[in-house]
Amino acid sequence: MTRYEIIVMENAEKHLQAIKRGDGDYVKKIIDKIKFCLGEHLFTSIKQCNKKKLKGKENTYRLHIQRKYTVFYRVVKTEQKTLVEIHEVMGFEAAHKKYPHIDL
């Protein structure tokens, strides 16, 4: 159980399935890092979590996972809780090309 609820959106699930076919062992590392950095340390800055808010985007962030993959996510606050919506998981280089065009 994590402090913040994590919701993996359909598009992110497709990306994870594609990664699983090519790099199956790494999917567990991605999921563990998401749970640790976003589920437990969403609003704290710690060395193990390379998180950053995207410029010009409201509530939209990225998480680098060992300079191999990037997770794009949104933080949604409700009166009862804070949710983390995982929208995309992709290779590091593809993510850098997508930064200016990301729209979650």
PDB file of N, CA and C in Angstrom:
ATOM      1  N   MET A   1       0.844  -1.183   0.000  1.00  0.00           N
ATOM      2  CA  MET A   1       0.000   0.000   0.000  1.00  0.00           C
ATOM      3  C   MET A   1       0.890   1.248   0.000  1.00  0.00           C
ATOM      4  N   THR A   2       0.580   2.190  -0.861  1.00  0.00           N
ATOM      5  CA  THR A   2       1.361   3.418  -0.949  1.00  0.00           C
ATOM      6  C   THR A   2       0.584   4.587  -0.353  1.00  0.00           C
ATOM      7  N   ARG A   3       1.276   5.656  -0.056  1.00  0.00           N
ATOM      8  CA  ARG A   3       0.638   6.858   0.508  1.00  0.00           C
ATOM      9  C   ARG A   3      -0.302   7.506  -0.490  1.00  0.00           C
ATOM     10  N   TYR A   4       0.108   7.538  -1.747  1.00  0.00           N
ATOM     11  CA  TYR A   4      -0.680   8.175  -2.797  1.00  0.00           C
ATOM     12  C   TYR A   4      -1.158   7.107  -3.772  1.00  0.00           C
ATOM     13  N   GLU A   5      -2.395   7.241  -4.205  1.00  0.00           N
ATOM     14  CA  GLU A   5      -2.973   6.260  -5.121  1.00  0.00           C
ATOM     15  C   GLU A   5      -2.414   6.464  -6.527  1.00  0.00           C
ATOM     16  N   ILE A   6      -1.966   5.381  -7.128  1.00  0.00           N
ATOM     17  CA  ILE A   6      -1.399   5.416  -8.473  1.00  0.00           C
ATOM     18  C   ILE A   6      -2.377   4.755  -9.433  1.00  0.00           C
ATOM     19  N   ILE A   7      -2.690   5.472 -10.502  1.00  0.00           N
ATOM     20  CA  ILE A   7      -3.586   4.948 -11.529  1.00  0.00           C
ATOM     21  C   ILE A   7      -2.792   4.874 -12.829  1.00  0.00           C
ATOM     22  N   VAL A   8      -2.681   3.688 -13.383  1.00  0.00           N
ATOM     23  CA  VAL A   8      -1.978   3.509 -14.653  1.00  0.00           C
ATOM     24  C   VAL A   8      -3.017   3.594 -15.758  1.00  0.00           C
ATOM     25  N   MET A   9      -2.917   4.629 -16.558  1.00  0.00           N
ATOM     26  CA  MET A   9      -3.869   4.851 -17.637  1.00  0.00           C
ATOM     27  C   MET A   9      -3.634   3.826 -18.752  1.00  0.00           C
ATOM     28  N   GLU A  10      -4.632   3.658 -19.598  1.00  0.00           N
ATOM     29  CA  GLU A  10      -4.593   2.640 -20.654  1.00  0.00           C
ATOM     30  C   GLU A  10      -3.375   2.796 -21.567  1.00  0.00           C
ATOM     31  N   ASN A  11      -3.064   4.024 -21.944  1.00  0.00           N
ATOM     32  CA  ASN A  11      -1.933   4.268 -22.836  1.00  0.00           C
ATOM     33  C   ASN A  11      -0.614   3.836 -22.180  1.00  0.00           C
ATOM     34  N   ALA A  12      -0.462   4.126 -20.892  1.00  0.00           N
ATOM     35  CA  ALA A  12       0.754   3.726 -20.169  1.00  0.00           C
ATOM     36  C   ALA A  12       0.837   2.208 -20.053  1.00  0.00           C
ATOM     37  N   GLU A  13      -0.304   1.569 -19.853  1.00  0.00           N
ATOM     38  CA  GLU A  13      -0.335   0.106 -19.772  1.00  0.00           C
ATOM     39  C   GLU A  13       0.148  -0.510 -21.092  1.00  0.00           C
ATOM     40  N   LYS A  14      -0.258   0.081 -22.211  1.00  0.00           N
ATOM     41  CA  LYS A  14       0.203  -0.408 -23.523  1.00  0.00           C
ATOM     42  C   LYS A  14       1.720  -0.245 -23.650  1.00  0.00           C
ATOM     43  N   HIS A  15       2.234   0.895 -23.186  1.00  0.00           N
ATOM     44  CA  HIS A  15       3.679   1.116 -23.238  1.00  0.00           C
ATOM     45  C   HIS A  15       4.418   0.089 -22.385  1.00  0.00           C
ATOM     46  N   LEU A  16       3.892  -0.187 -21.190  1.00  0.00           N
ATOM     47  CA  LEU A  16       4.530  -1.182 -20.315  1.00  0.00           C
ATOM     48  C   LEU A  16       4.510  -2.575 -20.939  1.00  0.00           C
ATOM     49  N   GLN A  17       3.412  -2.924 -21.610  1.00  0.00           N
ATOM     50  CA  GLN A  17       3.334  -4.230 -22.278  1.00  0.00           C
ATOM     51  C   GLN A  17       4.365  -4.315 -23.403  1.00  0.00           C
ATOM     52  N   ALA A  18       4.559  -3.212 -24.137  1.00  0.00           N
ATOM     53  CA  ALA A  18       5.564  -3.189 -25.210  1.00  0.00           C
ATOM     54  C   ALA A  18       6.975  -3.339 -24.635  1.00  0.00           C
ATOM     55  N   ILE A  19       7.241  -2.685 -23.528  1.00  0.00           N
ATOM     56  CA  ILE A  19       8.550  -2.808 -22.868  1.00  0.00           C
ATOM     57  C   ILE A  19       8.743  -4.239 -22.380  1.00  0.00           C
ATOM     58  N   LYS A  20       7.687  -4.828 -21.844  1.00  0.00           N
ATOM     59  CA  LYS A  20       7.759  -6.201 -21.325  1.00  0.00           C
ATOM     60  C   LYS A  20       8.175  -7.182 -22.415  1.00  0.00           C
ATOM     61  N   ARG A  21       7.684  -6.970 -23.631  1.00  0.00           N
ATOM     62  CA  ARG A  21       8.050  -7.873 -24.735  1.00  0.00           C
ATOM     63  C   ARG A  21       9.531  -7.755 -25.075  1.00  0.00           C
ATOM     64  N   GLY A  22      10.081  -6.544 -24.972  1.00  0.00           N
ATOM     65  CA  GLY A  22      11.477  -6.351 -25.345  1.00  0.00           C
ATOM     66  C   GLY A  22      12.451  -6.381 -24.190  1.00  0.00           C
ATOM     67  N   ASP A  23      11.989  -6.039 -22.996  1.00  0.00           N
ATOM     68  CA  ASP A  23      12.881  -5.901 -21.842  1.00  0.00           C
ATOM     69  C   ASP A  23      12.101  -6.267 -20.582  1.00  0.00           C
ATOM     70  N   GLY A  24      11.590  -7.500 -20.546  1.00  0.00           N
ATOM     71  CA  GLY A  24      10.680  -7.958 -19.502  1.00  0.00           C
ATOM     72  C   GLY A  24      11.171  -7.770 -18.079  1.00  0.00           C
ATOM     73  N   ASP A  25      12.461  -8.002 -17.841  1.00  0.00           N
ATOM     74  CA  ASP A  25      12.996  -7.878 -16.492  1.00  0.00           C
ATOM     75  C   ASP A  25      12.934  -6.436 -15.987  1.00  0.00           C
ATOM     76  N   TYR A  26      12.967  -5.497 -16.911  1.00  0.00           N
ATOM     77  CA  TYR A  26      13.024  -4.095 -16.515  1.00  0.00           C
ATOM     78  C   TYR A  26      11.667  -3.546 -16.075  1.00  0.00           C
ATOM     79  N   VAL A  27      10.579  -4.173 -16.488  1.00  0.00           N
ATOM     80  CA  VAL A  27       9.242  -3.694 -16.131  1.00  0.00           C
ATOM     81  C   VAL A  27       9.071  -3.677 -14.614  1.00  0.00           C
ATOM     82  N   LYS A  28       9.568  -4.690 -13.926  1.00  0.00           N
ATOM     83  CA  LYS A  28       9.468  -4.718 -12.458  1.00  0.00           C
ATOM     84  C   LYS A  28      10.222  -3.534 -11.852  1.00  0.00           C
ATOM     85  N   LYS A  29      11.389  -3.194 -12.396  1.00  0.00           N
ATOM     86  CA  LYS A  29      12.139  -2.042 -11.901  1.00  0.00           C
ATOM     87  C   LYS A  29      11.352  -0.754 -12.107  1.00  0.00           C
ATOM     88  N   ILE A  30      10.703  -0.633 -13.257  1.00  0.00           N
ATOM     89  CA  ILE A  30       9.897   0.555 -13.549  1.00  0.00           C
ATOM     90  C   ILE A  30       8.754   0.666 -12.540  1.00  0.00           C
ATOM     91  N   ILE A  31       8.038  -0.414 -12.333  1.00  0.00           N
ATOM     92  CA  ILE A  31       6.896  -0.411 -11.410  1.00  0.00           C
ATOM     93  C   ILE A  31       7.351  -0.138  -9.981  1.00  0.00           C
ATOM     94  N   ASP A  32       8.448  -0.756  -9.566  1.00  0.00           N
ATOM     95  CA  ASP A  32       8.967  -0.516  -8.216  1.00  0.00           C
ATOM     96  C   ASP A  32       9.372   0.949  -8.030  1.00  0.00           C
ATOM     97  N   LYS A  33       9.994   1.533  -9.042  1.00  0.00           N
ATOM     98  CA  LYS A  33      10.419   2.936  -8.967  1.00  0.00           C
ATOM     99  C   LYS A  33       9.206   3.860  -8.919  1.00  0.00           C
ATOM    100  N   ILE A  34       8.171   3.546  -9.687  1.00  0.00           N
ATOM    101  CA  ILE A  34       6.936   4.342  -9.657  1.00  0.00           C
ATOM    102  C   ILE A  34       6.322   4.287  -8.260  1.00  0.00           C
ATOM    103  N   LYS A  35       6.225   3.096  -7.689  1.00  0.00           N
ATOM    104  CA  LYS A  35       5.647   2.958  -6.347  1.00  0.00           C
ATOM    105  C   LYS A  35       6.466   3.725  -5.310  1.00  0.00           C
ATOM    106  N   PHE A  36       7.785   3.629  -5.395  1.00  0.00           N
ATOM    107  CA  PHE A  36       8.656   4.293  -4.428  1.00  0.00           C
ATOM    108  C   PHE A  36       8.622   5.811  -4.598  1.00  0.00           C
ATOM    109  N   CYS A  37       8.867   6.277  -5.820  1.00  0.00           N
ATOM    110  CA  CYS A  37       9.015   7.717  -6.048  1.00  0.00           C
ATOM    111  C   CYS A  37       7.689   8.468  -6.075  1.00  0.00           C
ATOM    112  N   LEU A  38       6.663   7.853  -6.649  1.00  0.00           N
ATOM    113  CA  LEU A  38       5.387   8.545  -6.791  1.00  0.00           C
ATOM    114  C   LEU A  38       4.360   8.114  -5.758  1.00  0.00           C
ATOM    115  N   GLY A  39       4.442   6.884  -5.314  1.00  0.00           N
ATOM    116  CA  GLY A  39       3.495   6.405  -4.320  1.00  0.00           C
ATOM    117  C   GLY A  39       3.877   6.787  -2.903  1.00  0.00           C
ATOM    118  N   GLU A  40       5.179   6.881  -2.638  1.00  0.00           N
ATOM    119  CA  GLU A  40       5.643   7.185  -1.284  1.00  0.00           C
ATOM    120  C   GLU A  40       6.274   8.574  -1.151  1.00  0.00           C
ATOM    121  N   HIS A  41       7.011   9.028  -2.168  1.00  0.00           N
ATOM    122  CA  HIS A  41       7.780  10.276  -2.079  1.00  0.00           C
ATOM    123  C   HIS A  41       7.362  11.282  -3.145  1.00  0.00           C
ATOM    124  N   LEU A  42       6.078  11.385  -3.377  1.00  0.00           N
ATOM    125  CA  LEU A  42       5.564  12.250  -4.441  1.00  0.00           C
ATOM    126  C   LEU A  42       5.975  13.706  -4.260  1.00  0.00           C
ATOM    127  N   PHE A  43       5.895  14.216  -3.048  1.00  0.00           N
ATOM    128  CA  PHE A  43       6.171  15.634  -2.814  1.00  0.00           C
ATOM    129  C   PHE A  43       7.495  15.886  -2.103  1.00  0.00           C
ATOM    130  N   THR A  44       8.321  14.859  -1.976  1.00  0.00           N
ATOM    131  CA  THR A  44       9.629  15.049  -1.368  1.00  0.00           C
ATOM    132  C   THR A  44      10.709  14.874  -2.424  1.00  0.00           C
ATOM    133  N   SER A  45      11.765  15.619  -2.259  1.00  0.00           N
ATOM    134  CA  SER A  45      12.887  15.551  -3.194  1.00  0.00           C
ATOM    135  C   SER A  45      13.947  14.645  -2.593  1.00  0.00           C
ATOM    136  N   ILE A  46      14.139  13.484  -3.211  1.00  0.00           N
ATOM    137  CA  ILE A  46      15.177  12.571  -2.747  1.00  0.00           C
ATOM    138  C   ILE A  46      16.047  12.179  -3.930  1.00  0.00           C
ATOM    139  N   LYS A  47      17.277  11.836  -3.628  1.00  0.00           N
ATOM    140  CA  LYS A  47      18.283  11.563  -4.658  1.00  0.00           C
ATOM    141  C   LYS A  47      17.877  10.428  -5.602  1.00  0.00           C
ATOM    142  N   GLN A  48      17.199   9.411  -5.081  1.00  0.00           N
ATOM    143  CA  GLN A  48      16.842   8.239  -5.897  1.00  0.00           C
ATOM    144  C   GLN A  48      15.747   8.533  -6.926  1.00  0.00           C
ATOM    145  N   CYS A  49      15.054   9.660  -6.787  1.00  0.00           N
ATOM    146  CA  CYS A  49      13.920   9.964  -7.659  1.00  0.00           C
ATOM    147  C   CYS A  49      14.192  11.226  -8.469  1.00  0.00           C
ATOM    148  N   ASN A  50      14.422  11.051  -9.755  1.00  0.00           N
ATOM    149  CA  ASN A  50      14.699  12.161 -10.650  1.00  0.00           C
ATOM    150  C   ASN A  50      13.374  12.630 -11.253  1.00  0.00           C
ATOM    151  N   LYS A  51      12.646  13.457 -10.483  1.00  0.00           N
ATOM    152  CA  LYS A  51      11.334  13.966 -10.889  1.00  0.00           C
ATOM    153  C   LYS A  51      11.458  15.439 -11.253  1.00  0.00           C
ATOM    154  N   LYS A  52      10.592  15.878 -12.167  1.00  0.00           N
ATOM    155  CA  LYS A  52      10.624  17.285 -12.541  1.00  0.00           C
ATOM    156  C   LYS A  52       9.281  17.681 -13.129  1.00  0.00           C
ATOM    157  N   LYS A  53       8.829  18.886 -12.786  1.00  0.00           N
ATOM    158  CA  LYS A  53       7.614  19.429 -13.382  1.00  0.00           C
ATOM    159  C   LYS A  53       7.950  19.900 -14.789  1.00  0.00           C
ATOM    160  N   LEU A  54       7.048  19.644 -15.730  1.00  0.00           N
ATOM    161  CA  LEU A  54       7.271  20.081 -17.109  1.00  0.00           C
ATOM    162  C   LEU A  54       6.875  21.547 -17.251  1.00  0.00           C
ATOM    163  N   LYS A  55       7.731  22.331 -17.854  1.00  0.00           N
ATOM    164  CA  LYS A  55       7.487  23.756 -18.023  1.00  0.00           C
ATOM    165  C   LYS A  55       6.238  23.993 -18.872  1.00  0.00           C
ATOM    166  N   GLY A  56       5.423  24.920 -18.420  1.00  0.00           N
ATOM    167  CA  GLY A  56       4.243  25.314 -19.181  1.00  0.00           C
ATOM    168  C   GLY A  56       3.099  24.319 -19.133  1.00  0.00           C
ATOM    169  N   LYS A  57       3.226  23.277 -18.337  1.00  0.00           N
ATOM    170  CA  LYS A  57       2.181  22.250 -18.239  1.00  0.00           C
ATOM    171  C   LYS A  57       1.656  22.222 -16.813  1.00  0.00           C
ATOM    172  N   GLU A  58       0.354  22.243 -16.662  1.00  0.00           N
ATOM    173  CA  GLU A  58      -0.244  22.253 -15.336  1.00  0.00           C
ATOM    174  C   GLU A  58      -0.329  20.836 -14.767  1.00  0.00           C
ATOM    175  N   ASN A  59       0.249  20.643 -13.604  1.00  0.00           N
ATOM    176  CA  ASN A  59       0.208  19.357 -12.887  1.00  0.00           C
ATOM    177  C   ASN A  59       0.790  18.198 -13.691  1.00  0.00           C
ATOM    178  N   THR A  60       1.696  18.474 -14.603  1.00  0.00           N
ATOM    179  CA  THR A  60       2.299  17.438 -15.441  1.00  0.00           C
ATOM    180  C   THR A  60       3.796  17.346 -15.134  1.00  0.00           C
ATOM    181  N   TYR A  61       4.257  16.114 -14.917  1.00  0.00           N
ATOM    182  CA  TYR A  61       5.623  15.869 -14.478  1.00  0.00           C
ATOM    183  C   TYR A  61       6.228  14.702 -15.244  1.00  0.00           C
ATOM    184  N   ARG A  62       7.548  14.542 -15.040  1.00  0.00           N
ATOM    185  CA  ARG A  62       8.227  13.374 -15.587  1.00  0.00           C
ATOM    186  C   ARG A  62       9.109  12.778 -14.503  1.00  0.00           C
ATOM    187  N   LEU A  63       9.308  11.467 -14.617  1.00  0.00           N
ATOM    188  CA  LEU A  63      10.192  10.720 -13.730  1.00  0.00           C
ATOM    189  C   LEU A  63      11.142   9.928 -14.609  1.00  0.00           C
ATOM    190  N   HIS A  64      12.441  10.173 -14.461  1.00  0.00           N
ATOM    191  CA  HIS A  64      13.435   9.383 -15.191  1.00  0.00           C
ATOM    192  C   HIS A  64      13.740   8.133 -14.381  1.00  0.00           C
ATOM    193  N   ILE A  65      13.848   7.020 -15.080  1.00  0.00           N
ATOM    194  CA  ILE A  65      14.218   5.764 -14.436  1.00  0.00           C
ATOM    195  C   ILE A  65      15.537   5.307 -15.039  1.00  0.00           C
ATOM    196  N   GLN A  66      16.612   5.578 -14.320  1.00  0.00           N
ATOM    197  CA  GLN A  66      17.981   5.212 -14.689  1.00  0.00           C
ATOM    198  C   GLN A  66      18.367   5.624 -16.100  1.00  0.00           C
ATOM    199  N   ARG A  67      17.946   6.781 -16.511  1.00  0.00           N
ATOM    200  CA  ARG A  67      18.278   7.313 -17.849  1.00  0.00           C
ATOM    201  C   ARG A  67      17.999   6.304 -18.958  1.00  0.00           C
ATOM    202  N   LYS A  68      17.045   5.446 -18.703  1.00  0.00           N
ATOM    203  CA  LYS A  68      16.653   4.453 -19.694  1.00  0.00           C
ATOM    204  C   LYS A  68      15.200   4.652 -20.106  1.00  0.00           C
ATOM    205  N   TYR A  69      14.343   4.961 -19.125  1.00  0.00           N
ATOM    206  CA  TYR A  69      12.921   5.179 -19.395  1.00  0.00           C
ATOM    207  C   TYR A  69      12.453   6.455 -18.708  1.00  0.00           C
ATOM    208  N   THR A  70      11.375   7.024 -19.248  1.00  0.00           N
ATOM    209  CA  THR A  70      10.750   8.211 -18.667  1.00  0.00           C
ATOM    210  C   THR A  70       9.275   7.930 -18.475  1.00  0.00           C
ATOM    211  N   VAL A  71       8.767   8.326 -17.321  1.00  0.00           N
ATOM    212  CA  VAL A  71       7.353   8.188 -16.994  1.00  0.00           C
ATOM    213  C   VAL A  71       6.761   9.593 -16.976  1.00  0.00           C
ATOM    214  N   PHE A  72       5.700   9.814 -17.751  1.00  0.00           N
ATOM    215  CA  PHE A  72       4.978  11.074 -17.720  1.00  0.00           C
ATOM    216  C   PHE A  72       3.732  10.864 -16.872  1.00  0.00           C
ATOM    217  N   TYR A  73       3.522  11.767 -15.919  1.00  0.00           N
ATOM    218  CA  TYR A  73       2.393  11.598 -15.005  1.00  0.00           C
ATOM    219  C   TYR A  73       1.786  12.945 -14.623  1.00  0.00           C
ATOM    220  N   ARG A  74       0.568  12.873 -14.125  1.00  0.00           N
ATOM    221  CA  ARG A  74      -0.147  14.047 -13.617  1.00  0.00           C
ATOM    222  C   ARG A  74      -0.500  13.809 -12.167  1.00  0.00           C
ATOM    223  N   VAL A  75      -0.528  14.886 -11.405  1.00  0.00           N
ATOM    224  CA  VAL A  75      -0.958  14.834 -10.011  1.00  0.00           C
ATOM    225  C   VAL A  75      -2.334  15.486  -9.942  1.00  0.00           C
ATOM    226  N   VAL A  76      -3.291  14.731  -9.422  1.00  0.00           N
ATOM    227  CA  VAL A  76      -4.666  15.212  -9.319  1.00  0.00           C
ATOM    228  C   VAL A  76      -5.052  15.200  -7.845  1.00  0.00           C
ATOM    229  N   LYS A  77      -5.373  16.371  -7.325  1.00  0.00           N
ATOM    230  CA  LYS A  77      -5.761  16.471  -5.920  1.00  0.00           C
ATOM    231  C   LYS A  77      -7.278  16.603  -5.821  1.00  0.00           C
ATOM    232  N   THR A  78      -7.872  15.789  -4.964  1.00  0.00           N
ATOM    233  CA  THR A  78      -9.285  15.894  -4.653  1.00  0.00           C
ATOM    234  C   THR A  78      -9.402  16.245  -3.171  1.00  0.00           C
ATOM    235  N   GLU A  79     -10.604  16.455  -2.714  1.00  0.00           N
ATOM    236  CA  GLU A  79     -10.775  16.774  -1.292  1.00  0.00           C
ATOM    237  C   GLU A  79     -10.349  15.613  -0.401  1.00  0.00           C
ATOM    238  N   GLN A  80     -10.554  14.393  -0.876  1.00  0.00           N
ATOM    239  CA  GLN A  80     -10.261  13.223  -0.059  1.00  0.00           C
ATOM    240  C   GLN A  80      -8.831  12.719  -0.187  1.00  0.00           C
ATOM    241  N   LYS A  81      -8.243  12.823  -1.388  1.00  0.00           N
ATOM    242  CA  LYS A  81      -6.921  12.223  -1.584  1.00  0.00           C
ATOM    243  C   LYS A  81      -6.190  12.837  -2.762  1.00  0.00           C
ATOM    244  N   THR A  82      -4.944  12.431  -2.907  1.00  0.00           N
ATOM    245  CA  THR A  82      -4.114  12.845  -4.031  1.00  0.00           C
ATOM    246  C   THR A  82      -3.868  11.622  -4.901  1.00  0.00           C
ATOM    247  N   LEU A  83      -4.127  11.772  -6.193  1.00  0.00           N
ATOM    248  CA  LEU A  83      -3.953  10.684  -7.157  1.00  0.00           C
ATOM    249  C   LEU A  83      -2.778  10.985  -8.076  1.00  0.00           C
ATOM    250  N   VAL A  84      -2.107   9.934  -8.515  1.00  0.00           N
ATOM    251  CA  VAL A  84      -1.051  10.049  -9.508  1.00  0.00           C
ATOM    252  C   VAL A  84      -1.515   9.259 -10.723  1.00  0.00           C
ATOM    253  N   GLU A  85      -1.697   9.953 -11.838  1.00  0.00           N
ATOM    254  CA  GLU A  85      -2.113   9.296 -13.083  1.00  0.00           C
ATOM    255  C   GLU A  85      -0.887   9.094 -13.960  1.00  0.00           C
ATOM    256  N   ILE A  86      -0.527   7.847 -14.209  1.00  0.00           N
ATOM    257  CA  ILE A  86       0.595   7.521 -15.093  1.00  0.00           C
ATOM    258  C   ILE A  86       0.038   7.473 -16.513  1.00  0.00           C
ATOM    259  N   HIS A  87       0.513   8.373 -17.374  1.00  0.00           N
ATOM    260  CA  HIS A  87      -0.029   8.461 -18.729  1.00  0.00           C
ATOM    261  C   HIS A  87       0.853   7.797 -19.776  1.00  0.00           C
ATOM    262  N   GLU A  88       2.168   7.926 -19.640  1.00  0.00           N
ATOM    263  CA  GLU A  88       3.053   7.352 -20.645  1.00  0.00           C
ATOM    264  C   GLU A  88       4.340   6.864 -19.998  1.00  0.00           C
ATOM    265  N   VAL A  89       4.865   5.782 -20.548  1.00  0.00           N
ATOM    266  CA  VAL A  89       6.159   5.241 -20.147  1.00  0.00           C
ATOM    267  C   VAL A  89       6.881   4.955 -21.460  1.00  0.00           C
ATOM    268  N   MET A  90       8.023   5.594 -21.640  1.00  0.00           N
ATOM    269  CA  MET A  90       8.732   5.394 -22.913  1.00  0.00           C
ATOM    270  C   MET A  90      10.225   5.508 -22.734  1.00  0.00           C
ATOM    271  N   GLY A  91      10.937   5.120 -23.761  1.00  0.00           N
ATOM    272  CA  GLY A  91      12.390   5.203 -23.741  1.00  0.00           C
ATOM    273  C   GLY A  91      12.852   6.634 -23.543  1.00  0.00           C
ATOM    274  N   PHE A  92      14.007   6.773 -22.942  1.00  0.00           N
ATOM    275  CA  PHE A  92      14.576   8.070 -22.585  1.00  0.00           C
ATOM    276  C   PHE A  92      14.676   9.009 -23.787  1.00  0.00           C
ATOM    277  N   GLU A  93      15.210   8.525 -24.898  1.00  0.00           N
ATOM    278  CA  GLU A  93      15.408   9.374 -26.077  1.00  0.00           C
ATOM    279  C   GLU A  93      14.079   9.786 -26.707  1.00  0.00           C
ATOM    280  N   ALA A  94      13.144   8.854 -26.809  1.00  0.00           N
ATOM    281  CA  ALA A  94      11.819   9.175 -27.369  1.00  0.00           C
ATOM    282  C   ALA A  94      11.117  10.213 -26.506  1.00  0.00           C
ATOM    283  N   ALA A  95      11.284  10.108 -25.206  1.00  0.00           N
ATOM    284  CA  ALA A  95      10.650  11.058 -24.288  1.00  0.00           C
ATOM    285  C   ALA A  95      11.189  12.471 -24.492  1.00  0.00           C
ATOM    286  N   HIS A  96      12.496  12.601 -24.680  1.00  0.00           N
ATOM    287  CA  HIS A  96      13.073  13.926 -24.870  1.00  0.00           C
ATOM    288  C   HIS A  96      12.565  14.589 -26.146  1.00  0.00           C
ATOM    289  N   LYS A  97      12.287  13.805 -27.152  1.00  0.00           N
ATOM    290  CA  LYS A  97      11.709  14.373 -28.381  1.00  0.00           C
ATOM    291  C   LYS A  97      10.258  14.805 -28.156  1.00  0.00           C
ATOM    292  N   LYS A  98       9.593  14.173 -27.198  1.00  0.00           N
ATOM    293  CA  LYS A  98       8.171  14.421 -26.969  1.00  0.00           C
ATOM    294  C   LYS A  98       7.911  15.581 -25.994  1.00  0.00           C
ATOM    295  N   TYR A  99       8.906  16.010 -25.225  1.00  0.00           N
ATOM    296  CA  TYR A  99       8.706  17.041 -24.214  1.00  0.00           C
ATOM    297  C   TYR A  99       7.902  18.248 -24.719  1.00  0.00           C
ATOM    298  N   PRO A 100       8.266  18.848 -25.841  1.00  0.00           N
ATOM    299  CA  PRO A 100       7.532  20.052 -26.265  1.00  0.00           C
ATOM    300  C   PRO A 100       6.082  19.750 -26.678  1.00  0.00           C
ATOM    301  N   HIS A 101       5.781  18.496 -26.965  1.00  0.00           N
ATOM    302  CA  HIS A 101       4.475  18.156 -27.507  1.00  0.00           C
ATOM    303  C   HIS A 101       3.597  17.374 -26.532  1.00  0.00           C
ATOM    304  N   ILE A 102       4.068  17.156 -25.321  1.00  0.00           N
ATOM    305  CA  ILE A 102       3.326  16.340 -24.373  1.00  0.00           C
ATOM    306  C   ILE A 102       2.049  17.064 -23.946  1.00  0.00           C
ATOM    307  N   ASP A 103       0.944  16.348 -23.973  1.00  0.00           N
ATOM    308  CA  ASP A 103      -0.333  16.928 -23.589  1.00  0.00           C
ATOM    309  C   ASP A 103      -1.137  15.833 -22.879  1.00  0.00           C
ATOM    310  N   LEU A 104      -1.153  15.886 -21.556  1.00  0.00           N
ATOM    311  CA  LEU A 104      -1.836  14.850 -20.786  1.00  0.00           C
ATOM    312  C   LEU A 104      -3.195  15.329 -20.342  1.00  0.00           C
TER     313      LEU A 104
END
